[in-house]
C-alpha atoms as a PDB file:
ATOM      1  CA  UNK A   1       4.296  -1.035  32.876  1.00  0.00           C
ATOM      2  CA  UNK A   2       5.732  -0.220  29.429  1.00  0.00           C
ATOM      3  CA  UNK A   3       4.669  -2.610  26.692  1.00  0.00           C
ATOM      4  CA  UNK A   4       7.483  -4.217  24.723  1.00  0.00           C
ATOM      5  CA  UNK A   5       7.340  -5.323  21.086  1.00  0.00           C
ATOM      6  CA  UNK A   6       9.093  -8.142  19.286  1.00  0.00           C
ATOM      7  CA  UNK A   7       9.625  -6.092  16.133  1.00  0.00           C
ATOM      8  CA  UNK A   8      12.604  -3.772  15.642  1.00  0.00           C
ATOM      9  CA  UNK A   9      11.943  -0.022  15.992  1.00  0.00           C
ATOM     10  CA  UNK A  10      13.095   2.369  13.277  1.00  0.00           C
ATOM     11  CA  UNK A  11      12.588   6.100  13.118  1.00  0.00           C
ATOM     12  CA  UNK A  12       9.203   6.863  11.568  1.00  0.00           C
ATOM     13  CA  UNK A  13      10.802   9.324   9.156  1.00  0.00           C
ATOM     14  CA  UNK A  14      12.761   6.437   7.569  1.00  0.00           C
ATOM     15  CA  UNK A  15       9.519   4.671   6.569  1.00  0.00           C
ATOM     16  CA  UNK A  16       7.860   6.480   3.682  1.00  0.00           C
ATOM     17  CA  UNK A  17       6.275   6.191   0.239  1.00  0.00           C
ATOM     18  CA  UNK A  18       8.186   6.543  -3.017  1.00  0.00           C
ATOM     19  CA  UNK A  19       6.774   8.498  -5.934  1.00  0.00           C
ATOM     20  CA  UNK A  20       5.773   5.213  -7.581  1.00  0.00           C
ATOM     21  CA  UNK A  21       3.685   4.191  -4.566  1.00  0.00           C
ATOM     22  CA  UNK A  22       6.086   1.663  -2.978  1.00  0.00           C
ATOM     23  CA  UNK A  23       6.302   1.331   0.814  1.00  0.00           C
ATOM     24  CA  UNK A  24       9.981   1.506   1.796  1.00  0.00           C
ATOM     25  CA  UNK A  25      12.353   1.780   4.749  1.00  0.00           C
ATOM     26  CA  UNK A  26      15.555   3.748   4.248  1.00  0.00           C
ATOM     27  CA  UNK A  27      18.745   2.100   5.528  1.00  0.00           C
ATOM     28  CA  UNK A  28      21.300   4.649   4.370  1.00  0.00           C
ATOM     29  CA  UNK A  29      21.512   7.802   2.267  1.00  0.00           C
ATOM     30  CA  UNK A  30      21.274   6.046  -1.092  1.00  0.00           C
ATOM     31  CA  UNK A  31      19.478   2.777  -0.356  1.00  0.00           C
ATOM     32  CA  UNK A  32      15.916   1.799   0.524  1.00  0.00           C
ATOM     33  CA  UNK A  33      14.142  -1.536   0.830  1.00  0.00           C
ATOM     34  CA  UNK A  34      10.576  -2.281  -0.224  1.00  0.00           C
ATOM     35  CA  UNK A  35       8.503  -3.482   2.728  1.00  0.00           C
ATOM     36  CA  UNK A  36       6.313  -5.767   0.634  1.00  0.00           C
ATOM     37  CA  UNK A  37       8.823  -7.476  -1.665  1.00  0.00           C
ATOM     38  CA  UNK A  38      12.075  -7.086   0.286  1.00  0.00           C
ATOM     39  CA  UNK A  39      13.803  -5.708  -2.812  1.00  0.00           C
ATOM     40  CA  UNK A  40      16.632  -3.219  -2.275  1.00  0.00           C
ATOM     41  CA  UNK A  41      16.633  -0.128  -4.470  1.00  0.00           C
ATOM     42  CA  UNK A  42      18.894   2.841  -5.050  1.00  0.00           C
ATOM     43  CA  UNK A  43      17.321   6.031  -3.774  1.00  0.00           C
ATOM     44  CA  UNK A  44      17.588   9.765  -4.421  1.00  0.00           C
ATOM     45  CA  UNK A  45      15.550  12.714  -3.177  1.00  0.00           C
ATOM     46  CA  UNK A  46      13.589  12.764  -6.443  1.00  0.00           C
ATOM     47  CA  UNK A  47      12.159   9.344  -5.556  1.00  0.00           C
ATOM     48  CA  UNK A  48      10.391  10.677  -2.452  1.00  0.00           C
ATOM     49  CA  UNK A  49       6.611  10.529  -2.693  1.00  0.00           C
ATOM     50  CA  UNK A  50       5.172  11.389   0.719  1.00  0.00           C
ATOM     51  CA  UNK A  51       5.482  10.609   4.408  1.00  0.00           C
ATOM     52  CA  UNK A  52       3.682   7.498   5.548  1.00  0.00           C
ATOM     53  CA  UNK A  53       0.266   8.187   7.074  1.00  0.00           C
ATOM     54  CA  UNK A  54      -1.468   6.410   9.938  1.00  0.00           C
ATOM     55  CA  UNK A  55      -3.930   5.007   7.405  1.00  0.00           C
ATOM     56  CA  UNK A  56      -1.125   3.441   5.373  1.00  0.00           C
ATOM     57  CA  UNK A  57       0.642   2.146   8.499  1.00  0.00           C
ATOM     58  CA  UNK A  58      -2.589   0.492   9.592  1.00  0.00           C
ATOM     59  CA  UNK A  59      -2.678  -1.343   6.259  1.00  0.00           C
ATOM     60  CA  UNK A  60       0.929  -2.480   6.718  1.00  0.00           C
ATOM     61  CA  UNK A  61       0.048  -3.602  10.241  1.00  0.00           C
ATOM     62  CA  UNK A  62      -2.875  -5.678   8.965  1.00  0.00           C
ATOM     63  CA  UNK A  63      -0.583  -7.237   6.359  1.00  0.00           C
ATOM     64  CA  UNK A  64       1.978  -8.272   8.977  1.00  0.00           C
ATOM     65  CA  UNK A  65       4.761  -5.880   7.974  1.00  0.00           C
ATOM     66  CA  UNK A  66       4.398  -3.500  10.921  1.00  0.00           C
ATOM     67  CA  UNK A  67       3.838  -4.523  14.532  1.00  0.00           C
ATOM     68  CA  UNK A  68       3.243  -1.122  16.100  1.00  0.00           C
ATOM     69  CA  UNK A  69       3.833   2.568  15.469  1.00  0.00           C
ATOM     70  CA  UNK A  70       3.605   5.960  17.160  1.00  0.00           C
ATOM     71  CA  UNK A  71       4.562   9.513  16.220  1.00  0.00           C
ATOM     72  CA  UNK A  72       8.282   8.781  16.436  1.00  0.00           C
ATOM     73  CA  UNK A  73       8.906   5.103  15.686  1.00  0.00           C
ATOM     74  CA  UNK A  74       7.683   2.199  13.587  1.00  0.00           C
ATOM     75  CA  UNK A  75       8.253  -1.367  14.834  1.00  0.00           C
ATOM     76  CA  UNK A  76       8.947  -3.583  11.803  1.00  0.00           C
ATOM     77  CA  UNK A  77       8.480  -7.323  12.122  1.00  0.00           C
ATOM     78  CA  UNK A  78      11.838  -9.093  11.782  1.00  0.00           C
ATOM     79  CA  UNK A  79      14.137  -6.786   9.925  1.00  0.00           C
ATOM     80  CA  UNK A  80      15.521  -8.226   6.694  1.00  0.00           C
ATOM     81  CA  UNK A  81      18.899  -8.886   8.293  1.00  0.00           C
ATOM     82  CA  UNK A  82      17.093 -11.118  10.807  1.00  0.00           C
ATOM     83  CA  UNK A  83      15.561 -13.257   8.094  1.00  0.00           C
ATOM     84  CA  UNK A  84      12.284 -11.623   7.174  1.00  0.00           C
ATOM     85  CA  UNK A  85      13.067 -12.081   3.500  1.00  0.00           C
ATOM     86  CA  UNK A  86      14.999 -14.892   1.773  1.00  0.00           C
ATOM     87  CA  UNK A  87      18.442 -14.017   0.478  1.00  0.00           C
ATOM     88  CA  UNK A  88      19.131 -13.534  -3.202  1.00  0.00           C
ATOM     89  CA  UNK A  89      21.043 -16.818  -3.279  1.00  0.00           C
ATOM     90  CA  UNK A  90      17.896 -18.777  -2.594  1.00  0.00           C
ATOM     91  CA  UNK A  91      16.520 -17.517  -5.893  1.00  0.00           C
ATOM     92  CA  UNK A  92      19.514 -18.121  -8.115  1.00  0.00           C
ATOM     93  CA  UNK A  93      19.054 -20.766 -10.754  1.00  0.00           C
ATOM     94  CA  UNK A  94      18.931 -21.411 -14.472  1.00  0.00           C
ATOM     95  CA  UNK A  95      15.141 -21.176 -14.885  1.00  0.00           C
ATOM     96  CA  UNK A  96      13.781 -18.458 -17.155  1.00  0.00           C
ATOM     97  CA  UNK A  97      10.410 -16.675 -17.244  1.00  0.00           C
ATOM     98  CA  UNK A  98       8.754 -15.633 -20.508  1.00  0.00           C
ATOM     99  CA  UNK A  99       6.090 -13.035 -21.186  1.00  0.00           C
ATOM    100  CA  UNK A 100       4.657 -12.100 -24.559  1.00  0.00           C
ATOM    101  CA  UNK A 101       3.705  -9.146 -26.745  1.00  0.00           C
ATOM    102  CA  UNK A 102       2.530  -8.635 -30.330  1.00  0.00           C
ATOM    103  CA  UNK A 103       4.954  -7.372 -32.960  1.00  0.00           C
ATOM    104  CA  UNK A 104       2.878  -5.673 -35.661  1.00  0.00           C
ATOM    105  CA  UNK A 105       6.004  -5.496 -37.926  1.00  0.00           C
ATOM    106  CA  UNK A 106       4.913  -1.923 -38.705  1.00  0.00           C
ATOM    107  CA  UNK A 107       7.559   0.836 -38.439  1.00  0.00           C
ATOM    108  CA  UNK A 108       7.318   2.939 -35.294  1.00  0.00           C
ATOM    109  CA  UNK A 109       6.263   6.071 -37.203  1.00  0.00           C
ATOM    110  CA  UNK A 110       2.887   4.333 -37.671  1.00  0.00           C
ATOM    111  CA  UNK A 111       2.321   4.118 -33.913  1.00  0.00           C
ATOM    112  CA  UNK A 112      -0.256   6.995 -33.892  1.00  0.00           C
ATOM    113  CA  UNK A 113      -2.189   5.210 -36.648  1.00  0.00           C
ATOM    114  CA  UNK A 114      -2.300   1.968 -34.634  1.00  0.00           C
ATOM    115  CA  UNK A 115      -3.308   3.834 -31.464  1.00  0.00           C
ATOM    116  CA  UNK A 116      -6.139   5.572 -33.359  1.00  0.00           C
ATOM    117  CA  UNK A 117      -7.302   2.223 -34.736  1.00  0.00           C
ATOM    118  CA  UNK A 118      -7.510   0.714 -31.253  1.00  0.00           C
ATOM    119  CA  UNK A 119      -9.539   3.704 -30.064  1.00  0.00           C
ATOM    120  CA  UNK A 120     -11.920   3.428 -33.021  1.00  0.00           C
ATOM    121  CA  UNK A 121     -12.359  -0.272 -32.273  1.00  0.00           C
ATOM    122  CA  UNK A 122     -13.018   0.506 -28.559  1.00  0.00           C
ATOM    123  CA  UNK A 123      -9.977  -1.605 -27.668  1.00  0.00           C
ATOM    124  CA  UNK A 124      -7.650   1.035 -26.215  1.00  0.00           C
ATOM    125  CA  UNK A 125      -8.722  -0.005 -22.714  1.00  0.00           C
ATOM    126  CA  UNK A 126      -7.570  -3.569 -23.415  1.00  0.00           C
ATOM    127  CA  UNK A 127      -4.351  -2.908 -25.335  1.00  0.00           C
ATOM    128  CA  UNK A 128      -1.542  -0.367 -25.330  1.00  0.00           C
ATOM    129  CA  UNK A 129       0.909   0.329 -28.153  1.00  0.00           C
ATOM    130  CA  UNK A 130       4.605   1.003 -27.705  1.00  0.00           C
ATOM    131  CA  UNK A 131       7.620   1.415 -29.985  1.00  0.00           C
ATOM    132  CA  UNK A 132      10.002  -1.496 -29.559  1.00  0.00           C
ATOM    133  CA  UNK A 133      13.097  -2.067 -31.678  1.00  0.00           C
ATOM    134  CA  UNK A 134      11.941   0.443 -34.297  1.00  0.00           C
ATOM    135  CA  UNK A 135       8.599  -1.328 -34.740  1.00  0.00           C
ATOM    136  CA  UNK A 136       5.115  -0.969 -33.234  1.00  0.00           C
ATOM    137  CA  UNK A 137       4.388  -3.426 -30.433  1.00  0.00           C
ATOM    138  CA  UNK A 138       1.010  -4.162 -28.855  1.00  0.00           C
ATOM    139  CA  UNK A 139       0.840  -5.045 -25.145  1.00  0.00           C
ATOM    140  CA  UNK A 140      -2.028  -5.804 -22.805  1.00  0.00           C
ATOM    141  CA  UNK A 141      -4.012  -3.512 -20.537  1.00  0.00           C
ATOM    142  CA  UNK A 142      -1.969  -0.597 -19.130  1.00  0.00           C
ATOM    143  CA  UNK A 143       1.093  -1.811 -21.008  1.00  0.00           C
ATOM    144  CA  UNK A 144       1.404  -5.173 -19.263  1.00  0.00           C
ATOM    145  CA  UNK A 145       2.910  -7.992 -21.360  1.00  0.00           C
ATOM    146  CA  UNK A 146       0.732 -11.044 -21.925  1.00  0.00           C
ATOM    147  CA  UNK A 147       1.635 -13.580 -19.201  1.00  0.00           C
ATOM    148  CA  UNK A 148       0.832 -16.677 -21.271  1.00  0.00           C
ATOM    149  CA  UNK A 149       1.195 -17.634 -24.919  1.00  0.00           C
ATOM    150  CA  UNK A 150      -2.529 -18.378 -25.211  1.00  0.00           C
ATOM    151  CA  UNK A 151      -3.327 -14.807 -24.080  1.00  0.00           C
ATOM    152  CA  UNK A 152      -1.105 -13.411 -26.835  1.00  0.00           C
ATOM    153  CA  UNK A 153      -2.681 -15.761 -29.380  1.00  0.00           C
ATOM    154  CA  UNK A 154      -6.191 -14.624 -28.445  1.00  0.00           C
ATOM    155  CA  UNK A 155      -5.141 -10.969 -28.760  1.00  0.00           C
ATOM    156  CA  UNK A 156      -3.487 -11.632 -32.121  1.00  0.00           C
ATOM    157  CA  UNK A 157      -6.614 -13.363 -33.447  1.00  0.00           C
ATOM    158  CA  UNK A 158      -8.878 -10.557 -32.204  1.00  0.00           C
ATOM    159  CA  UNK A 159      -6.833  -7.766 -33.782  1.00  0.00           C
ATOM    160  CA  UNK A 160      -6.498  -9.617 -37.091  1.00  0.00           C
ATOM    161  CA  UNK A 161     -10.265 -10.115 -37.230  1.00  0.00           C
ATOM    162  CA  UNK A 162     -11.059  -6.486 -36.333  1.00  0.00           C
ATOM    163  CA  UNK A 163      -8.539  -4.763 -38.620  1.00  0.00           C
ATOM    164  CA  UNK A 164      -7.005  -7.335 -41.001  1.00  0.00           C
ATOM    165  CA  UNK A 165      -5.339  -4.757 -43.263  1.00  0.00           C
ATOM    166  CA  UNK A 166      -3.469  -3.214 -40.335  1.00  0.00           C
ATOM    167  CA  UNK A 167      -2.631  -6.303 -38.305  1.00  0.00           C
ATOM    168  CA  UNK A 168      -2.294  -8.975 -41.005  1.00  0.00           C
ATOM    169  CA  UNK A 169       1.463  -9.416 -40.445  1.00  0.00           C
ATOM    170  CA  UNK A 170       1.328  -9.288 -36.648  1.00  0.00           C
ATOM    171  CA  UNK A 171       3.510 -11.897 -34.944  1.00  0.00           C
ATOM    172  CA  UNK A 172       3.854 -13.052 -31.351  1.00  0.00           C
ATOM    173  CA  UNK A 173       7.156 -12.115 -29.699  1.00  0.00           C
ATOM    174  CA  UNK A 174       8.455 -12.723 -26.209  1.00  0.00           C
ATOM    175  CA  UNK A 175      10.820 -11.335 -23.612  1.00  0.00           C
ATOM    176  CA  UNK A 176      12.663 -13.601 -21.228  1.00  0.00           C
ATOM    177  CA  UNK A 177      14.048 -12.905 -17.757  1.00  0.00           C
ATOM    178  CA  UNK A 178      15.731 -14.983 -15.070  1.00  0.00           C
ATOM    179  CA  UNK A 179      13.196 -16.510 -12.687  1.00  0.00           C
ATOM    180  CA  UNK A 180      15.121 -15.473  -9.587  1.00  0.00           C
ATOM    181  CA  UNK A 181      15.130 -11.815 -10.695  1.00  0.00           C
ATOM    182  CA  UNK A 182      11.423 -11.984 -11.411  1.00  0.00           C
ATOM    183  CA  UNK A 183      10.602 -13.499  -8.019  1.00  0.00           C
ATOM    184  CA  UNK A 184      12.944 -11.321  -5.982  1.00  0.00           C
ATOM    185  CA  UNK A 185      11.859  -8.045  -7.486  1.00  0.00           C
ATOM    186  CA  UNK A 186       8.168  -8.971  -7.498  1.00  0.00           C
ATOM    187  CA  UNK A 187       6.013  -6.300  -9.130  1.00  0.00           C
ATOM    188  CA  UNK A 188       6.541  -2.591  -8.543  1.00  0.00           C
ATOM    189  CA  UNK A 189       3.683  -0.864  -6.775  1.00  0.00           C
ATOM    190  CA  UNK A 190       2.452   0.572 -10.057  1.00  0.00           C
ATOM    191  CA  UNK A 191       2.347  -2.824 -11.792  1.00  0.00           C
ATOM    192  CA  UNK A 192       3.748  -2.821 -15.328  1.00  0.00           C
ATOM    193  CA  UNK A 193       2.879   0.769 -16.248  1.00  0.00           C
ATOM    194  CA  UNK A 194       5.792   2.734 -17.676  1.00  0.00           C
ATOM    195  CA  UNK A 195       7.440   5.281 -15.397  1.00  0.00           C
ATOM    196  CA  UNK A 196       6.502   8.428 -17.406  1.00  0.00           C
ATOM    197  CA  UNK A 197       2.846   7.489 -16.981  1.00  0.00           C
ATOM    198  CA  UNK A 198       3.368   7.073 -13.231  1.00  0.00           C
ATOM    199  CA  UNK A 199       4.912  10.542 -13.039  1.00  0.00           C
ATOM    200  CA  UNK A 200       2.053  12.101 -15.035  1.00  0.00           C
ATOM    201  CA  UNK A 201      -0.565  10.475 -12.811  1.00  0.00           C
ATOM    202  CA  UNK A 202       0.857  12.074  -9.663  1.00  0.00           C
ATOM    203  CA  UNK A 203       0.591  15.658 -10.918  1.00  0.00           C
ATOM    204  CA  UNK A 204      -1.818  15.884 -13.853  1.00  0.00           C
ATOM    205  CA  UNK A 205      -5.430  16.726 -12.953  1.00  0.00           C
ATOM    206  CA  UNK A 206      -6.785  17.383 -16.432  1.00  0.00           C
ATOM    207  CA  UNK A 207      -8.125  13.812 -16.481  1.00  0.00           C
ATOM    208  CA  UNK A 208      -9.735  14.032 -13.019  1.00  0.00           C
ATOM    209  CA  UNK A 209     -10.778  17.671 -12.617  1.00  0.00           C
ATOM    210  CA  UNK A 210     -14.526  18.060 -12.170  1.00  0.00           C
ATOM    211  CA  UNK A 211     -15.159  14.311 -12.092  1.00  0.00           C
ATOM    212  CA  UNK A 212     -17.581  12.815  -9.561  1.00  0.00           C
ATOM    213  CA  UNK A 213     -16.421   9.775  -7.573  1.00  0.00           C
ATOM    214  CA  UNK A 214     -18.525   7.570  -5.306  1.00  0.00           C
ATOM    215  CA  UNK A 215     -16.587   5.859  -2.500  1.00  0.00           C
ATOM    216  CA  UNK A 216     -18.352   2.953  -0.783  1.00  0.00           C
ATOM    217  CA  UNK A 217     -16.490   1.935   2.389  1.00  0.00           C
ATOM    218  CA  UNK A 218     -17.465   1.400   6.015  1.00  0.00           C
ATOM    219  CA  UNK A 219     -13.910   2.248   7.154  1.00  0.00           C
ATOM    220  CA  UNK A 220     -13.988   5.854   8.379  1.00  0.00           C
ATOM    221  CA  UNK A 221     -10.213   6.193   8.207  1.00  0.00           C
ATOM    222  CA  UNK A 222     -10.223   5.014   4.609  1.00  0.00           C
ATOM    223  CA  UNK A 223     -13.021   7.408   3.730  1.00  0.00           C
ATOM    224  CA  UNK A 224     -11.066  10.330   5.197  1.00  0.00           C
ATOM    225  CA  UNK A 225      -7.845   9.353   3.425  1.00  0.00           C
ATOM    226  CA  UNK A 226      -9.399   8.986  -0.020  1.00  0.00           C
ATOM    227  CA  UNK A 227     -11.465  12.159   0.315  1.00  0.00           C
ATOM    228  CA  UNK A 228      -8.295  14.092   1.124  1.00  0.00           C
ATOM    229  CA  UNK A 229      -6.587  12.541  -1.910  1.00  0.00           C
ATOM    230  CA  UNK A 230      -9.450  13.323  -4.287  1.00  0.00           C
ATOM    231  CA  UNK A 231      -9.565  16.924  -3.116  1.00  0.00           C
ATOM    232  CA  UNK A 232      -6.031  17.340  -4.503  1.00  0.00           C
ATOM    233  CA  UNK A 233      -7.275  15.835  -7.792  1.00  0.00           C
ATOM    234  CA  UNK A 234     -10.143  18.376  -7.999  1.00  0.00           C
ATOM    235  CA  UNK A 235     -12.807  15.673  -7.782  1.00  0.00           C
ATOM    236  CA  UNK A 236     -16.220  15.770  -6.119  1.00  0.00           C
ATOM    237  CA  UNK A 237     -16.614  12.927  -3.613  1.00  0.00           C
ATOM    238  CA  UNK A 238     -19.806  11.174  -2.542  1.00  0.00           C
ATOM    239  CA  UNK A 239     -19.286   8.831   0.406  1.00  0.00           C
ATOM    240  CA  UNK A 240     -21.369   5.804   1.414  1.00  0.00           C
ATOM    241  CA  UNK A 241     -20.801   3.527   4.414  1.00  0.00           C
ATOM    242  CA  UNK A 242     -22.911   0.660   3.053  1.00  0.00           C
ATOM    243  CA  UNK A 243     -23.829  -0.921  -0.248  1.00  0.00           C
ATOM    244  CA  UNK A 244     -27.469   0.158   0.079  1.00  0.00           C
ATOM    245  CA  UNK A 245     -26.441   3.775   0.597  1.00  0.00           C
ATOM    246  CA  UNK A 246     -23.988   3.498  -2.283  1.00  0.00           C
ATOM    247  CA  UNK A 247     -26.647   2.200  -4.669  1.00  0.00           C
ATOM    248  CA  UNK A 248     -28.896   5.125  -3.796  1.00  0.00           C
ATOM    249  CA  UNK A 249     -26.100   7.660  -4.388  1.00  0.00           C
ATOM    250  CA  UNK A 250     -25.246   5.920  -7.659  1.00  0.00           C
ATOM    251  CA  UNK A 251     -28.772   6.511  -8.928  1.00  0.00           C
ATOM    252  CA  UNK A 252     -28.972  10.063  -7.558  1.00  0.00           C
ATOM    253  CA  UNK A 253     -25.645  11.439  -8.809  1.00  0.00           C
ATOM    254  CA  UNK A 254     -24.495   9.224 -11.725  1.00  0.00           C
ATOM    255  CA  UNK A 255     -20.794   9.399 -10.730  1.00  0.00           C
ATOM    256  CA  UNK A 256     -17.915   9.173 -13.193  1.00  0.00           C
ATOM    257  CA  UNK A 257     -16.154   6.563 -11.048  1.00  0.00           C
ATOM    258  CA  UNK A 258     -17.115   4.022  -8.380  1.00  0.00           C
ATOM    259  CA  UNK A 259     -14.606   2.897  -5.747  1.00  0.00           C
ATOM    260  CA  UNK A 260     -15.829   0.180  -3.411  1.00  0.00           C
ATOM    261  CA  UNK A 261     -14.538  -2.268  -0.823  1.00  0.00           C
ATOM    262  CA  UNK A 262     -14.751  -5.997  -1.425  1.00  0.00           C
ATOM    263  CA  UNK A 263     -16.426  -6.533   1.950  1.00  0.00           C
ATOM    264  CA  UNK A 264     -19.273  -4.204   2.965  1.00  0.00           C
ATOM    265  CA  UNK A 265     -21.356  -4.372   6.155  1.00  0.00           C
ATOM    266  CA  UNK A 266     -24.659  -5.177   4.433  1.00  0.00           C
ATOM    267  CA  UNK A 267     -23.566  -7.253   1.433  1.00  0.00           C
ATOM    268  CA  UNK A 268     -20.566  -8.619  -0.437  1.00  0.00           C
ATOM    269  CA  UNK A 269     -19.196  -6.624  -3.379  1.00  0.00           C
ATOM    270  CA  UNK A 270     -20.486  -9.284  -5.793  1.00  0.00           C
ATOM    271  CA  UNK A 271     -24.046  -8.650  -4.597  1.00  0.00           C
ATOM    272  CA  UNK A 272     -23.657  -4.904  -5.007  1.00  0.00           C
ATOM    273  CA  UNK A 273     -22.221  -5.307  -8.503  1.00  0.00           C
ATOM    274  CA  UNK A 274     -25.210  -7.489  -9.434  1.00  0.00           C
ATOM    275  CA  UNK A 275     -27.601  -4.790  -8.202  1.00  0.00           C
ATOM    276  CA  UNK A 276     -25.746  -2.137 -10.200  1.00  0.00           C
ATOM    277  CA  UNK A 277     -26.479  -4.225 -13.286  1.00  0.00           C
ATOM    278  CA  UNK A 278     -30.161  -4.184 -12.348  1.00  0.00           C
ATOM    279  CA  UNK A 279     -30.298  -0.385 -12.307  1.00  0.00           C
ATOM    280  CA  UNK A 280     -28.577  -0.200 -15.695  1.00  0.00           C
ATOM    281  CA  UNK A 281     -25.448   1.718 -14.659  1.00  0.00           C
ATOM    282  CA  UNK A 282     -22.943  -1.111 -14.961  1.00  0.00           C
ATOM    283  CA  UNK A 283     -21.074  -0.588 -18.216  1.00  0.00           C
ATOM    284  CA  UNK A 284     -21.206   3.206 -18.068  1.00  0.00           C
ATOM    285  CA  UNK A 285     -19.582   3.479 -14.623  1.00  0.00           C
ATOM    286  CA  UNK A 286     -15.891   2.498 -14.301  1.00  0.00           C
ATOM    287  CA  UNK A 287     -15.225   0.547 -11.122  1.00  0.00           C
ATOM    288  CA  UNK A 288     -12.221   0.122  -8.815  1.00  0.00           C
ATOM    289  CA  UNK A 289     -12.466  -2.662  -6.233  1.00  0.00           C
ATOM    290  CA  UNK A 290     -10.342  -2.538  -3.064  1.00  0.00           C
ATOM    291  CA  UNK A 291      -9.702  -5.805  -1.219  1.00  0.00           C
ATOM    292  CA  UNK A 292      -8.143  -6.530   2.154  1.00  0.00           C
ATOM    293  CA  UNK A 293      -4.641  -7.982   2.252  1.00  0.00           C
ATOM    294  CA  UNK A 294      -5.951 -11.500   2.924  1.00  0.00           C
ATOM    295  CA  UNK A 295      -8.256 -11.628  -0.112  1.00  0.00           C
ATOM    296  CA  UNK A 296      -7.740 -14.694  -2.293  1.00  0.00           C
ATOM    297  CA  UNK A 297      -6.627 -15.054  -5.885  1.00  0.00           C
ATOM    298  CA  UNK A 298     -10.121 -16.303  -6.653  1.00  0.00           C
ATOM    299  CA  UNK A 299     -11.504 -12.927  -5.536  1.00  0.00           C
ATOM    300  CA  UNK A 300      -9.222 -11.141  -7.962  1.00  0.00           C
ATOM    301  CA  UNK A 301     -10.001 -13.522 -10.822  1.00  0.00           C
ATOM    302  CA  UNK A 302     -13.748 -13.168 -10.244  1.00  0.00           C
ATOM    303  CA  UNK A 303     -13.510  -9.374 -10.048  1.00  0.00           C
ATOM    304  CA  UNK A 304     -11.639  -9.021 -13.331  1.00  0.00           C
ATOM    305  CA  UNK A 305     -13.393 -11.710 -15.368  1.00  0.00           C
ATOM    306  CA  UNK A 306     -16.944 -12.076 -14.081  1.00  0.00           C
ATOM    307  CA  UNK A 307     -17.331  -8.786 -12.199  1.00  0.00           C
ATOM    308  CA  UNK A 308     -15.662  -6.876 -15.072  1.00  0.00           C
ATOM    309  CA  UNK A 309     -14.248  -4.251 -12.707  1.00  0.00           C
ATOM    310  CA  UNK A 310     -11.733  -1.925 -14.330  1.00  0.00           C
ATOM    311  CA  UNK A 311      -9.136  -2.181 -11.554  1.00  0.00           C
ATOM    312  CA  UNK A 312      -8.568  -4.529  -8.610  1.00  0.00           C
ATOM    313  CA  UNK A 313      -6.351  -3.276  -5.763  1.00  0.00           C
ATOM    314  CA  UNK A 314      -5.309  -5.184  -2.654  1.00  0.00           C
ATOM    315  CA  UNK A 315      -4.079  -3.599   0.545  1.00  0.00           C
ATOM    316  CA  UNK A 316      -1.513  -2.504   1.634  1.00  0.00           C
ATOM    317  CA  UNK A 317      -2.170   0.292  -0.841  1.00  0.00           C
ATOM    318  CA  UNK A 318      -0.493   3.684  -0.782  1.00  0.00           C
ATOM    319  CA  UNK A 319      -2.342   6.837  -1.769  1.00  0.00           C
ATOM    320  CA  UNK A 320       0.105   7.265  -4.672  1.00  0.00           C
ATOM    321  CA  UNK A 321      -0.893   3.834  -5.975  1.00  0.00           C
ATOM    322  CA  UNK A 322      -4.596   4.651  -5.660  1.00  0.00           C
ATOM    323  CA  UNK A 323      -4.064   7.985  -7.415  1.00  0.00           C
ATOM    324  CA  UNK A 324      -2.299   6.241 -10.309  1.00  0.00           C
ATOM    325  CA  UNK A 325      -5.130   3.740 -10.769  1.00  0.00           C
ATOM    326  CA  UNK A 326      -7.869   6.377 -10.552  1.00  0.00           C
ATOM    327  CA  UNK A 327      -6.026   8.453 -13.160  1.00  0.00           C
ATOM    328  CA  UNK A 328      -5.486   5.461 -15.445  1.00  0.00           C
ATOM    329  CA  UNK A 329      -9.081   4.238 -15.152  1.00  0.00           C
ATOM    330  CA  UNK A 330     -10.531   7.626 -16.048  1.00  0.00           C
ATOM    331  CA  UNK A 331      -8.007   8.209 -18.820  1.00  0.00           C
ATOM    332  CA  UNK A 332      -8.742   4.827 -20.396  1.00  0.00           C
ATOM    333  CA  UNK A 333     -12.470   5.582 -20.399  1.00  0.00           C
ATOM    334  CA  UNK A 334     -11.761   9.040 -21.795  1.00  0.00           C
ATOM    335  CA  UNK A 335      -9.631   7.572 -24.601  1.00  0.00           C
ATOM    336  CA  UNK A 336     -12.300   4.974 -25.409  1.00  0.00           C
ATOM    337  CA  UNK A 337     -14.977   7.625 -25.880  1.00  0.00           C
ATOM    338  CA  UNK A 338     -12.864  10.235 -27.691  1.00  0.00           C
END
């Protein structure tokens, strides 16, 4: 007896990954829809990243976006036209959303000077400088605006205390967008990183070539997928299926990057991170933490504040998105030490 599915089947070739790491389904020649946010986007051949893999489809299945798949078809849960995502009208309203950045009031030709100052202060991993309106602007990590006024105030105070002559006239500025646009579009797969950086991360290997990466995951499919990815980035991979094995490899090989799952068969990630501190390799080893789709906001907050991991990723996660974050993490460390 043939099994039937409640989801709607679409050709597997119409479900793929964009160059920026987004999971999409293509409805017509020039239009795709993001599977995670429901946002429609214009599409051209240059936007194509790669065909969706079984590993990525399994992540989408765990997240409730895909019911089933085979070599020819993908069954999507409730196509958008059937009500999977709210309509744009539900988001329309007068509310506005603000985010913040620092306006140094310095002319944009002094941007290299400001960037050098952040590197010398070991702050280039926490801030990124951009030209905005002919002046030098300072944003948060990876170019993200500060989400709250208090975050911008803390950054302003820190920079003024570290380099008062350079940042003495720095002011807090904001950008404002409609709330419904913000909610409907959600965040692109690459976060708030500018598009040129995304493009560089998908082809440049000067940052990753020759680097050693330790991957700690009990998921064999995940191990295979990331090892294949890192081979294209000219990286040496050490694989561990448990935290205990990972700790041993960390001591033996002193990797340039650690990638680990939040949940491991023998201990939670927090326990492993505590043990890394014990062996004295914590600050010197950049860390990327990968969580399942049902991880909580508390997990993310703990990872970034208490755990001090460099990057927190939650599934579904495309290989393009992982590549971007590996590239950024290593480049930030490289910039901090140069």
